[in-house]
Amino acid sequence: MGTTGLILLILLGMLIWFWQNTLHDRELALLAARDICQHQSLQLLDATVTLQRLALRRSQRGGITLQRTFQFAYSAEGHDRQTGFVITLGNHVEQVGL
């Protein structure tokens, strides 16, 4: 395997890691959205969250990590549709908002 093959293998590994990490954060965001909707007696519409923003931020430890912003739809009475958000930093939920 030449240098090009090794570089492609490393890039593929990084892509797989990023995909798996994003899926993990998406699950965290979905749990946080369900939790806040349940505590506020709201309906989580579509039972899903969508990635809206990806950025690099400093963690509390000072290192650079990924910050992801997910959006979700919720309703208070079933006919109105509003948007909430979940922000994850690294693999932790940082903020949830309605």
C-alpha atoms as a PDB file:
ATOM      1  CA  MET A   1       0.000   0.000   0.000  1.00  0.00           C
ATOM      2  CA  GLY A   2       1.433   3.318  -1.054  1.00  0.00           C
ATOM      3  CA  THR A   3       1.166   6.709   0.567  1.00  0.00           C
ATOM      4  CA  THR A   4      -1.987   7.536  -1.389  1.00  0.00           C
ATOM      5  CA  GLY A   5      -3.700   4.365  -0.188  1.00  0.00           C
ATOM      6  CA  LEU A   6      -2.738   5.107   3.414  1.00  0.00           C
ATOM      7  CA  ILE A   7      -4.060   8.656   3.183  1.00  0.00           C
ATOM      8  CA  LEU A   8      -7.340   7.407   1.690  1.00  0.00           C
ATOM      9  CA  LEU A   9      -7.645   4.816   4.467  1.00  0.00           C
ATOM     10  CA  ILE A  10      -7.086   7.481   7.135  1.00  0.00           C
ATOM     11  CA  LEU A  11      -9.655   9.774   5.493  1.00  0.00           C
ATOM     12  CA  LEU A  12     -12.164   6.932   5.324  1.00  0.00           C
ATOM     13  CA  GLY A  13     -11.584   6.188   9.011  1.00  0.00           C
ATOM     14  CA  MET A  14     -12.101   9.846   9.906  1.00  0.00           C
ATOM     15  CA  LEU A  15     -15.317   9.959   7.852  1.00  0.00           C
ATOM     16  CA  ILE A  16     -16.677   6.846   9.582  1.00  0.00           C
ATOM     17  CA  TRP A  17     -15.763   8.283  12.997  1.00  0.00           C
ATOM     18  CA  PHE A  18     -17.495  11.586  12.170  1.00  0.00           C
ATOM     19  CA  TRP A  19     -20.634   9.800  10.977  1.00  0.00           C
ATOM     20  CA  GLN A  20     -20.803   7.578  14.083  1.00  0.00           C
ATOM     21  CA  ASN A  21     -20.159  10.549  16.379  1.00  0.00           C
ATOM     22  CA  THR A  22     -22.890  12.587  14.697  1.00  0.00           C
ATOM     23  CA  LEU A  23     -25.364   9.695  15.074  1.00  0.00           C
ATOM     24  CA  HIS A  24     -24.509   9.466  18.783  1.00  0.00           C
ATOM     25  CA  ASP A  25     -25.041  13.202  19.291  1.00  0.00           C
ATOM     26  CA  ARG A  26     -28.291  13.003  17.315  1.00  0.00           C
ATOM     27  CA  GLU A  27     -29.558  10.348  19.738  1.00  0.00           C
ATOM     28  CA  LEU A  28     -28.566  12.561  22.694  1.00  0.00           C
ATOM     29  CA  ALA A  29     -30.399  15.490  21.120  1.00  0.00           C
ATOM     30  CA  LEU A  30     -33.511  13.394  20.488  1.00  0.00           C
ATOM     31  CA  LEU A  31     -33.569  12.214  24.116  1.00  0.00           C
ATOM     32  CA  ALA A  32     -33.170  15.802  25.317  1.00  0.00           C
ATOM     33  CA  ALA A  33     -35.983  16.994  23.007  1.00  0.00           C
ATOM     34  CA  ARG A  34     -38.291  14.197  24.205  1.00  0.00           C
ATOM     35  CA  ASP A  35     -37.458  14.974  27.820  1.00  0.00           C
ATOM     36  CA  ILE A  36     -38.170  18.693  27.593  1.00  0.00           C
ATOM     37  CA  CYS A  37     -41.390  18.111  25.641  1.00  0.00           C
ATOM     38  CA  GLN A  38     -42.564  15.595  28.231  1.00  0.00           C
ATOM     39  CA  HIS A  39     -41.748  17.913  31.149  1.00  0.00           C
ATOM     40  CA  GLN A  40     -43.522  20.839  29.461  1.00  0.00           C
ATOM     41  CA  SER A  41     -46.547  18.728  28.386  1.00  0.00           C
ATOM     42  CA  LEU A  42     -45.786  19.322  24.703  1.00  0.00           C
ATOM     43  CA  GLN A  43     -45.936  17.022  21.685  1.00  0.00           C
ATOM     44  CA  LEU A  44     -42.669  16.235  19.923  1.00  0.00           C
ATOM     45  CA  LEU A  45     -43.675  16.316  16.269  1.00  0.00           C
ATOM     46  CA  ASP A  46     -42.142  13.953  13.715  1.00  0.00           C
ATOM     47  CA  ALA A  47     -40.247  12.210  16.595  1.00  0.00           C
ATOM     48  CA  THR A  48     -36.938  13.387  15.166  1.00  0.00           C
ATOM     49  CA  VAL A  49     -34.258  16.064  15.285  1.00  0.00           C
ATOM     50  CA  THR A  50     -32.324  17.464  12.336  1.00  0.00           C
ATOM     51  CA  LEU A  51     -28.772  18.777  12.239  1.00  0.00           C
ATOM     52  CA  GLN A  52     -28.836  22.489  11.426  1.00  0.00           C
ATOM     53  CA  ARG A  53     -25.358  23.727  12.264  1.00  0.00           C
ATOM     54  CA  LEU A  54     -21.882  22.362  12.828  1.00  0.00           C
ATOM     55  CA  ALA A  55     -19.059  24.428  14.310  1.00  0.00           C
ATOM     56  CA  LEU A  56     -15.743  24.106  16.119  1.00  0.00           C
ATOM     57  CA  ARG A  57     -15.781  25.411  19.713  1.00  0.00           C
ATOM     58  CA  ARG A  58     -13.609  25.235  22.799  1.00  0.00           C
ATOM     59  CA  SER A  59     -14.715  22.783  25.459  1.00  0.00           C
ATOM     60  CA  GLN A  60     -14.572  23.511  29.188  1.00  0.00           C
ATOM     61  CA  ARG A  61     -11.234  21.701  29.247  1.00  0.00           C
ATOM     62  CA  GLY A  62      -9.886  24.124  26.643  1.00  0.00           C
ATOM     63  CA  GLY A  63      -9.660  21.714  23.715  1.00  0.00           C
ATOM     64  CA  ILE A  64     -11.317  22.178  20.344  1.00  0.00           C
ATOM     65  CA  THR A  65     -14.440  20.060  19.861  1.00  0.00           C
ATOM     66  CA  LEU A  66     -17.484  19.878  17.615  1.00  0.00           C
ATOM     67  CA  GLN A  67     -20.609  21.825  18.495  1.00  0.00           C
ATOM     68  CA  ARG A  68     -23.759  20.630  16.764  1.00  0.00           C
ATOM     69  CA  THR A  69     -27.108  22.409  16.742  1.00  0.00           C
ATOM     70  CA  PHE A  70     -30.155  20.231  16.142  1.00  0.00           C
ATOM     71  CA  GLN A  71     -33.710  21.468  15.581  1.00  0.00           C
ATOM     72  CA  PHE A  72     -36.976  19.766  16.380  1.00  0.00           C
ATOM     73  CA  ALA A  73     -40.644  20.595  15.960  1.00  0.00           C
ATOM     74  CA  TYR A  74     -43.103  20.594  18.832  1.00  0.00           C
ATOM     75  CA  SER A  75     -46.700  21.563  19.450  1.00  0.00           C
ATOM     76  CA  ALA A  76     -48.633  22.710  22.491  1.00  0.00           C
ATOM     77  CA  GLU A  77     -52.117  21.900  21.213  1.00  0.00           C
ATOM     78  CA  GLY A  78     -51.535  19.643  18.217  1.00  0.00           C
ATOM     79  CA  HIS A  79     -52.297  22.157  15.453  1.00  0.00           C
ATOM     80  CA  ASP A  80     -49.553  24.723  15.991  1.00  0.00           C
ATOM     81  CA  ARG A  81     -45.967  23.947  14.984  1.00  0.00           C
ATOM     82  CA  GLN A  82     -43.041  25.551  16.753  1.00  0.00           C
ATOM     83  CA  THR A  83     -39.300  24.968  16.581  1.00  0.00           C
ATOM     84  CA  GLY A  84     -36.955  24.091  19.410  1.00  0.00           C
ATOM     85  CA  PHE A  85     -33.239  23.398  19.465  1.00  0.00           C
ATOM     86  CA  VAL A  86     -30.645  21.239  21.183  1.00  0.00           C
ATOM     87  CA  ILE A  87     -26.966  22.174  21.221  1.00  0.00           C
ATOM     88  CA  THR A  88     -24.385  19.479  21.857  1.00  0.00           C
ATOM     89  CA  LEU A  89     -20.748  20.164  22.611  1.00  0.00           C
ATOM     90  CA  GLY A  90     -18.560  17.126  22.246  1.00  0.00           C
ATOM     91  CA  ASN A  91     -20.744  14.252  23.398  1.00  0.00           C
ATOM     92  CA  HIS A  92     -22.773  16.229  25.929  1.00  0.00           C
ATOM     93  CA  VAL A  93     -25.986  18.220  25.702  1.00  0.00           C
ATOM     94  CA  GLU A  94     -25.060  21.819  26.350  1.00  0.00           C
ATOM     95  CA  GLN A  95     -28.382  23.621  25.900  1.00  0.00           C
ATOM     96  CA  VAL A  96     -32.029  22.906  25.069  1.00  0.00           C
ATOM     97  CA  GLY A  97     -34.457  25.629  24.095  1.00  0.00           C
ATOM     98  CA  LEU A  98     -38.071  26.009  23.116  1.00  0.00           C
END
